[in-house]
Amino acid sequence: MNKLIALLAIIFFCKTTIFSQLSGKTVTDIDGNNYKSVILGNQEWLTDNLKVTKFRNGQPIPHIQDSIVWNAWSNGAYVFYKNDTKHGVLYNWLVVNDSRGVCPMGWHVPSSAEWDTLAKFLGGNEIAGGKMKARLHWETPNTSATNESEFHALPKGMYGVNGSFNNVGKNAYWWSATENDKISAWGREIGFNESGLFIGHGDKRDGLSIRCLKN
């Protein structure tokens, strides 16, 4: 009986820690922002969206608040959702594609294939989103949110090329490093009333979040 109880305890422990039993060290970006990381399968992800306002070499990323300028801009840029720093930083894809690098040293913006690897580890695109979503800060019903992966996905919304801020509290959007065509690139999205991690491509001028992956 004692052996059975011990076995059940081990099974329960493994089940509750399957995604986060190993965690990485604290990572610091060029601005001095600190991030924690989590190991998911053979990948190590930051557990927060990127907040940096400089490229890895210390050169500033342009902060553009005027929608007309943003729409016409042909280089990397960032903006705060409705110009409020509490919501975090949204970047256009040209930041992702800049050779100066935006993630901390030793880290990179994941390719679309690397996002697929994460989704597969979490059980597939249909259910991965729920395992990635934080339990708080999402609008109701926050479908299937368990955050058992400790990815801590938050609904930071996006900035559209038409100058509109959309879906804070409802949706999370992240860039991948994979280009779709001359005007668009691939990304990922999670919704407040969905359990999936969805694949889509957006205009490179859109402002989305960035989540970094270890090299």
C-alpha atoms as a PDB file:
ATOM      1  CA  MET A   1       0.000   0.000   0.000  1.00  0.00           C
ATOM      2  CA  ASN A   2       2.804   2.394   0.882  1.00  0.00           C
ATOM      3  CA  LYS A   3       4.446   1.690  -2.484  1.00  0.00           C
ATOM      4  CA  LEU A   4       1.163   2.440  -4.275  1.00  0.00           C
ATOM      5  CA  ILE A   5       0.757   5.750  -2.442  1.00  0.00           C
ATOM      6  CA  ALA A   6       4.326   6.710  -3.286  1.00  0.00           C
ATOM      7  CA  LEU A   7       3.777   5.838  -6.967  1.00  0.00           C
ATOM      8  CA  LEU A   8       0.592   7.894  -7.126  1.00  0.00           C
ATOM      9  CA  ALA A   9       2.406  10.833  -5.520  1.00  0.00           C
ATOM     10  CA  ILE A  10       5.144  10.624  -8.155  1.00  0.00           C
ATOM     11  CA  ILE A  11       2.583  10.489 -10.984  1.00  0.00           C
ATOM     12  CA  PHE A  12       0.724  13.495  -9.556  1.00  0.00           C
ATOM     13  CA  PHE A  13       3.946  15.464  -9.159  1.00  0.00           C
ATOM     14  CA  CYS A  14       5.040  14.751 -12.725  1.00  0.00           C
ATOM     15  CA  LYS A  15       1.643  15.670 -14.114  1.00  0.00           C
ATOM     16  CA  THR A  16       1.574  19.035 -12.371  1.00  0.00           C
ATOM     17  CA  THR A  17       5.129  19.924 -13.372  1.00  0.00           C
ATOM     18  CA  ILE A  18       5.385  18.345 -16.834  1.00  0.00           C
ATOM     19  CA  PHE A  19       5.867  21.652 -18.624  1.00  0.00           C
ATOM     20  CA  SER A  20       7.814  23.659 -16.064  1.00  0.00           C
ATOM     21  CA  GLN A  21       9.926  21.198 -14.129  1.00  0.00           C
ATOM     22  CA  LEU A  22      13.042  22.918 -15.494  1.00  0.00           C
ATOM     23  CA  SER A  23      13.376  26.685 -15.618  1.00  0.00           C
ATOM     24  CA  GLY A  24      16.086  28.882 -16.995  1.00  0.00           C
ATOM     25  CA  LYS A  25      17.978  31.748 -15.445  1.00  0.00           C
ATOM     26  CA  THR A  26      17.107  35.431 -15.396  1.00  0.00           C
ATOM     27  CA  VAL A  27      17.872  37.184 -18.695  1.00  0.00           C
ATOM     28  CA  THR A  28      18.649  40.908 -19.048  1.00  0.00           C
ATOM     29  CA  ASP A  29      18.205  43.011 -22.200  1.00  0.00           C
ATOM     30  CA  ILE A  30      20.208  46.057 -23.351  1.00  0.00           C
ATOM     31  CA  ASP A  31      17.832  48.394 -21.446  1.00  0.00           C
ATOM     32  CA  GLY A  32      18.327  46.493 -18.190  1.00  0.00           C
ATOM     33  CA  ASN A  33      14.905  44.804 -18.195  1.00  0.00           C
ATOM     34  CA  ASN A  34      14.958  41.388 -16.534  1.00  0.00           C
ATOM     35  CA  TYR A  35      13.041  38.351 -17.765  1.00  0.00           C
ATOM     36  CA  LYS A  36      12.562  34.833 -16.472  1.00  0.00           C
ATOM     37  CA  SER A  37      12.524  31.835 -18.744  1.00  0.00           C
ATOM     38  CA  VAL A  38      10.948  28.392 -18.901  1.00  0.00           C
ATOM     39  CA  ILE A  39      12.103  25.224 -20.638  1.00  0.00           C
ATOM     40  CA  LEU A  40       9.391  23.588 -22.746  1.00  0.00           C
ATOM     41  CA  GLY A  41      10.559  20.404 -24.413  1.00  0.00           C
ATOM     42  CA  ASN A  42      13.857  21.206 -26.129  1.00  0.00           C
ATOM     43  CA  GLN A  43      13.159  24.942 -26.207  1.00  0.00           C
ATOM     44  CA  GLU A  44      13.719  27.711 -23.674  1.00  0.00           C
ATOM     45  CA  TRP A  45      11.327  30.683 -23.880  1.00  0.00           C
ATOM     46  CA  LEU A  46      11.152  33.984 -22.046  1.00  0.00           C
ATOM     47  CA  THR A  47       8.049  34.158 -19.863  1.00  0.00           C
ATOM     48  CA  ASP A  48       7.283  37.778 -20.751  1.00  0.00           C
ATOM     49  CA  ASN A  49       7.046  39.825 -23.919  1.00  0.00           C
ATOM     50  CA  LEU A  50      10.030  41.874 -24.971  1.00  0.00           C
ATOM     51  CA  LYS A  51      10.157  45.398 -23.482  1.00  0.00           C
ATOM     52  CA  VAL A  52      13.379  46.708 -24.998  1.00  0.00           C
ATOM     53  CA  THR A  53      13.597  50.059 -26.818  1.00  0.00           C
ATOM     54  CA  LYS A  54      17.090  49.583 -28.270  1.00  0.00           C
ATOM     55  CA  PHE A  55      18.684  47.131 -30.635  1.00  0.00           C
ATOM     56  CA  ARG A  56      21.233  44.738 -29.205  1.00  0.00           C
ATOM     57  CA  ASN A  57      24.096  47.074 -30.158  1.00  0.00           C
ATOM     58  CA  GLY A  58      22.564  49.898 -28.101  1.00  0.00           C
ATOM     59  CA  GLN A  59      21.197  51.910 -31.006  1.00  0.00           C
ATOM     60  CA  PRO A  60      17.652  53.173 -30.332  1.00  0.00           C
ATOM     61  CA  ILE A  61      14.591  51.691 -32.022  1.00  0.00           C
ATOM     62  CA  PRO A  62      12.497  54.625 -33.327  1.00  0.00           C
ATOM     63  CA  HIS A  63       9.468  55.348 -31.140  1.00  0.00           C
ATOM     64  CA  ILE A  64       6.718  56.528 -33.482  1.00  0.00           C
ATOM     65  CA  GLN A  65       3.422  57.769 -32.050  1.00  0.00           C
ATOM     66  CA  ASP A  66       1.923  59.423 -35.135  1.00  0.00           C
ATOM     67  CA  SER A  67      -0.203  56.951 -37.118  1.00  0.00           C
ATOM     68  CA  ILE A  68       0.510  58.586 -40.485  1.00  0.00           C
ATOM     69  CA  VAL A  69       4.253  58.402 -39.922  1.00  0.00           C
ATOM     70  CA  TRP A  70       3.943  54.814 -38.638  1.00  0.00           C
ATOM     71  CA  ASN A  71       2.060  53.740 -41.753  1.00  0.00           C
ATOM     72  CA  ALA A  72       4.689  55.206 -44.078  1.00  0.00           C
ATOM     73  CA  TRP A  73       7.727  54.132 -42.020  1.00  0.00           C
ATOM     74  CA  SER A  74      10.077  51.729 -43.803  1.00  0.00           C
ATOM     75  CA  ASN A  75      12.340  50.772 -40.883  1.00  0.00           C
ATOM     76  CA  GLY A  76      11.942  49.205 -37.474  1.00  0.00           C
ATOM     77  CA  ALA A  77       9.777  51.042 -34.932  1.00  0.00           C
ATOM     78  CA  TYR A  78       7.863  50.496 -31.710  1.00  0.00           C
ATOM     79  CA  VAL A  79       4.824  51.961 -29.993  1.00  0.00           C
ATOM     80  CA  PHE A  80       3.016  51.559 -26.670  1.00  0.00           C
ATOM     81  CA  TYR A  81      -0.641  50.523 -26.813  1.00  0.00           C
ATOM     82  CA  LYS A  82      -2.554  53.821 -26.849  1.00  0.00           C
ATOM     83  CA  ASN A  83       0.792  55.385 -25.869  1.00  0.00           C
ATOM     84  CA  ASP A  84       0.475  53.919 -22.367  1.00  0.00           C
ATOM     85  CA  THR A  85       3.609  52.121 -21.178  1.00  0.00           C
ATOM     86  CA  LYS A  86       1.663  49.819 -18.820  1.00  0.00           C
ATOM     87  CA  HIS A  87       0.525  47.694 -21.769  1.00  0.00           C
ATOM     88  CA  GLY A  88       4.018  46.882 -22.979  1.00  0.00           C
ATOM     89  CA  VAL A  89       5.796  47.379 -26.297  1.00  0.00           C
ATOM     90  CA  LEU A  90       4.449  46.608 -29.781  1.00  0.00           C
ATOM     91  CA  TYR A  91       6.915  46.339 -32.669  1.00  0.00           C
ATOM     92  CA  ASN A  92       6.589  46.307 -36.428  1.00  0.00           C
ATOM     93  CA  TRP A  93       8.121  43.320 -38.233  1.00  0.00           C
ATOM     94  CA  LEU A  94      10.994  45.411 -39.569  1.00  0.00           C
ATOM     95  CA  VAL A  95      12.402  45.358 -36.020  1.00  0.00           C
ATOM     96  CA  VAL A  96      12.327  41.554 -36.143  1.00  0.00           C
ATOM     97  CA  ASN A  97      14.167  41.509 -39.464  1.00  0.00           C
ATOM     98  CA  ASP A  98      16.837  44.034 -38.481  1.00  0.00           C
ATOM     99  CA  SER A  99      20.375  42.622 -38.508  1.00  0.00           C
ATOM    100  CA  ARG A 100      21.212  44.489 -35.274  1.00  0.00           C
ATOM    101  CA  GLY A 101      19.021  42.081 -33.329  1.00  0.00           C
ATOM    102  CA  VAL A 102      16.320  42.926 -30.794  1.00  0.00           C
ATOM    103  CA  CYS A 103      16.353  39.995 -28.368  1.00  0.00           C
ATOM    104  CA  PRO A 104      18.983  39.721 -25.620  1.00  0.00           C
ATOM    105  CA  MET A 105      22.343  38.217 -26.569  1.00  0.00           C
ATOM    106  CA  GLY A 106      21.968  34.465 -27.065  1.00  0.00           C
ATOM    107  CA  TRP A 107      18.254  34.779 -27.885  1.00  0.00           C
ATOM    108  CA  HIS A 108      16.262  35.351 -31.069  1.00  0.00           C
ATOM    109  CA  VAL A 109      12.769  35.929 -32.439  1.00  0.00           C
ATOM    110  CA  PRO A 110      11.388  32.436 -33.159  1.00  0.00           C
ATOM    111  CA  SER A 111      10.669  31.287 -36.677  1.00  0.00           C
ATOM    112  CA  SER A 112       7.209  30.072 -37.599  1.00  0.00           C
ATOM    113  CA  ALA A 113       8.541  26.506 -37.459  1.00  0.00           C
ATOM    114  CA  GLU A 114       9.821  27.066 -33.913  1.00  0.00           C
ATOM    115  CA  TRP A 115       6.372  28.277 -32.867  1.00  0.00           C
ATOM    116  CA  ASP A 116       5.023  25.051 -34.376  1.00  0.00           C
ATOM    117  CA  THR A 117       7.460  23.070 -32.237  1.00  0.00           C
ATOM    118  CA  LEU A 118       6.089  24.761 -29.114  1.00  0.00           C
ATOM    119  CA  ALA A 119       2.485  24.079 -30.137  1.00  0.00           C
ATOM    120  CA  LYS A 120       3.255  20.413 -30.792  1.00  0.00           C
ATOM    121  CA  PHE A 121       4.891  20.031 -27.375  1.00  0.00           C
ATOM    122  CA  LEU A 122       1.801  21.527 -25.729  1.00  0.00           C
ATOM    123  CA  GLY A 123      -0.511  19.079 -27.462  1.00  0.00           C
ATOM    124  CA  GLY A 124      -1.239  20.787 -30.774  1.00  0.00           C
ATOM    125  CA  ASN A 125      -2.503  24.151 -31.992  1.00  0.00           C
ATOM    126  CA  GLU A 126      -6.081  23.348 -30.971  1.00  0.00           C
ATOM    127  CA  ILE A 127      -5.304  23.333 -27.231  1.00  0.00           C
ATOM    128  CA  ALA A 128      -1.888  24.990 -26.858  1.00  0.00           C
ATOM    129  CA  GLY A 129      -3.314  28.472 -26.333  1.00  0.00           C
ATOM    130  CA  GLY A 130      -5.136  27.540 -23.143  1.00  0.00           C
ATOM    131  CA  LYS A 131      -1.960  26.082 -21.688  1.00  0.00           C
ATOM    132  CA  MET A 132      -0.108  29.310 -22.534  1.00  0.00           C
ATOM    133  CA  LYS A 133      -2.640  31.880 -21.273  1.00  0.00           C
ATOM    134  CA  ALA A 134      -2.264  33.562 -17.899  1.00  0.00           C
ATOM    135  CA  ARG A 135      -5.259  32.970 -15.644  1.00  0.00           C
ATOM    136  CA  LEU A 136      -5.741  36.683 -14.983  1.00  0.00           C
ATOM    137  CA  HIS A 137      -5.975  39.866 -17.086  1.00  0.00           C
ATOM    138  CA  TRP A 138      -7.999  38.283 -19.897  1.00  0.00           C
ATOM    139  CA  GLU A 139     -11.642  39.137 -20.510  1.00  0.00           C
ATOM    140  CA  THR A 140     -14.251  36.524 -19.662  1.00  0.00           C
ATOM    141  CA  PRO A 141     -14.478  33.621 -20.402  1.00  0.00           C
ATOM    142  CA  ASN A 142     -10.687  33.215 -20.818  1.00  0.00           C
ATOM    143  CA  THR A 143     -11.389  29.799 -22.313  1.00  0.00           C
ATOM    144  CA  SER A 144      -9.265  26.873 -21.084  1.00  0.00           C
ATOM    145  CA  ALA A 145      -6.684  29.149 -19.443  1.00  0.00           C
ATOM    146  CA  THR A 146      -4.429  27.085 -17.172  1.00  0.00           C
ATOM    147  CA  ASN A 147      -0.979  28.602 -17.815  1.00  0.00           C
ATOM    148  CA  GLU A 148       0.398  25.144 -17.029  1.00  0.00           C
ATOM    149  CA  SER A 149       3.259  25.852 -19.445  1.00  0.00           C
ATOM    150  CA  GLU A 150       4.180  28.988 -17.433  1.00  0.00           C
ATOM    151  CA  PHE A 151       4.379  30.904 -20.730  1.00  0.00           C
ATOM    152  CA  HIS A 152       2.254  33.663 -19.118  1.00  0.00           C
ATOM    153  CA  ALA A 153       0.585  34.851 -22.325  1.00  0.00           C
ATOM    154  CA  LEU A 154      -1.166  38.186 -21.787  1.00  0.00           C
ATOM    155  CA  PRO A 155      -3.686  39.967 -24.068  1.00  0.00           C
ATOM    156  CA  LYS A 156      -1.610  42.976 -25.105  1.00  0.00           C
ATOM    157  CA  GLY A 157      -3.524  43.608 -28.341  1.00  0.00           C
ATOM    158  CA  MET A 158      -2.018  45.113 -31.480  1.00  0.00           C
ATOM    159  CA  TYR A 159      -1.496  48.318 -33.442  1.00  0.00           C
ATOM    160  CA  GLY A 160      -2.859  48.267 -36.978  1.00  0.00           C
ATOM    161  CA  VAL A 161      -1.446  50.043 -40.013  1.00  0.00           C
ATOM    162  CA  ASN A 162      -4.625  52.138 -40.108  1.00  0.00           C
ATOM    163  CA  GLY A 163      -3.655  53.707 -36.788  1.00  0.00           C
ATOM    164  CA  SER A 164      -6.088  51.748 -34.615  1.00  0.00           C
ATOM    165  CA  PHE A 165      -5.264  49.966 -31.372  1.00  0.00           C
ATOM    166  CA  ASN A 166      -7.183  46.702 -31.115  1.00  0.00           C
ATOM    167  CA  ASN A 167      -8.100  43.951 -28.673  1.00  0.00           C
ATOM    168  CA  VAL A 168      -6.178  44.658 -25.492  1.00  0.00           C
ATOM    169  CA  GLY A 169      -7.690  42.320 -22.899  1.00  0.00           C
ATOM    170  CA  LYS A 170      -8.945  40.029 -25.659  1.00  0.00           C
ATOM    171  CA  ASN A 171      -6.064  38.881 -27.831  1.00  0.00           C
ATOM    172  CA  ALA A 172      -2.333  38.235 -27.763  1.00  0.00           C
ATOM    173  CA  TYR A 173      -0.328  38.558 -30.972  1.00  0.00           C
ATOM    174  CA  TRP A 174       3.335  37.735 -31.581  1.00  0.00           C
ATOM    175  CA  TRP A 175       5.601  37.997 -34.576  1.00  0.00           C
ATOM    176  CA  SER A 176       7.641  35.151 -35.950  1.00  0.00           C
ATOM    177  CA  ALA A 177      10.862  35.738 -37.867  1.00  0.00           C
ATOM    178  CA  THR A 178       9.369  34.110 -40.972  1.00  0.00           C
ATOM    179  CA  GLU A 179       8.365  36.270 -43.909  1.00  0.00           C
ATOM    180  CA  ASN A 180       5.228  35.421 -45.885  1.00  0.00           C
ATOM    181  CA  ASP A 181       5.711  37.788 -48.818  1.00  0.00           C
ATOM    182  CA  LYS A 182       6.926  41.326 -49.528  1.00  0.00           C
ATOM    183  CA  ILE A 183       4.240  42.947 -47.391  1.00  0.00           C
ATOM    184  CA  SER A 184       3.428  40.368 -44.705  1.00  0.00           C
ATOM    185  CA  ALA A 185       5.014  38.020 -42.177  1.00  0.00           C
ATOM    186  CA  TRP A 186       3.792  35.076 -40.110  1.00  0.00           C
ATOM    187  CA  GLY A 187       2.730  35.347 -36.480  1.00  0.00           C
ATOM    188  CA  ARG A 188       0.696  33.669 -33.741  1.00  0.00           C
ATOM    189  CA  GLU A 189      -2.505  34.671 -31.930  1.00  0.00           C
ATOM    190  CA  ILE A 190      -4.506  33.587 -28.871  1.00  0.00           C
ATOM    191  CA  GLY A 191      -8.010  34.823 -28.113  1.00  0.00           C
ATOM    192  CA  PHE A 192      -9.870  35.293 -24.825  1.00  0.00           C
ATOM    193  CA  ASN A 193     -12.683  32.937 -25.935  1.00  0.00           C
ATOM    194  CA  GLU A 194     -10.465  30.357 -27.615  1.00  0.00           C
ATOM    195  CA  SER A 195      -8.217  27.530 -26.480  1.00  0.00           C
ATOM    196  CA  GLY A 196      -6.050  27.378 -29.595  1.00  0.00           C
ATOM    197  CA  LEU A 197      -2.813  28.944 -30.781  1.00  0.00           C
ATOM    198  CA  PHE A 198      -3.632  30.293 -34.222  1.00  0.00           C
ATOM    199  CA  ILE A 199      -1.335  30.815 -37.196  1.00  0.00           C
ATOM    200  CA  GLY A 200      -1.749  33.874 -39.395  1.00  0.00           C
ATOM    201  CA  HIS A 201       0.143  36.510 -41.308  1.00  0.00           C
ATOM    202  CA  GLY A 202      -0.107  40.261 -40.922  1.00  0.00           C
ATOM    203  CA  ASP A 203       1.121  43.422 -42.563  1.00  0.00           C
ATOM    204  CA  LYS A 204       4.772  44.000 -41.662  1.00  0.00           C
ATOM    205  CA  ARG A 205       3.784  47.483 -40.477  1.00  0.00           C
ATOM    206  CA  ASP A 206       1.443  46.084 -37.791  1.00  0.00           C
ATOM    207  CA  GLY A 207       2.578  46.483 -34.200  1.00  0.00           C
ATOM    208  CA  LEU A 208       2.683  43.113 -32.407  1.00  0.00           C
ATOM    209  CA  SER A 209       4.421  41.693 -29.344  1.00  0.00           C
ATOM    210  CA  ILE A 210       7.717  39.816 -29.519  1.00  0.00           C
ATOM    211  CA  ARG A 211       8.580  36.770 -27.412  1.00  0.00           C
ATOM    212  CA  CYS A 212      12.189  35.553 -27.517  1.00  0.00           C
ATOM    213  CA  LEU A 213      13.560  32.011 -27.782  1.00  0.00           C
ATOM    214  CA  LYS A 214      17.008  30.871 -26.686  1.00  0.00           C
ATOM    215  CA  ASN A 215      19.511  30.075 -29.456  1.00  0.00           C
END
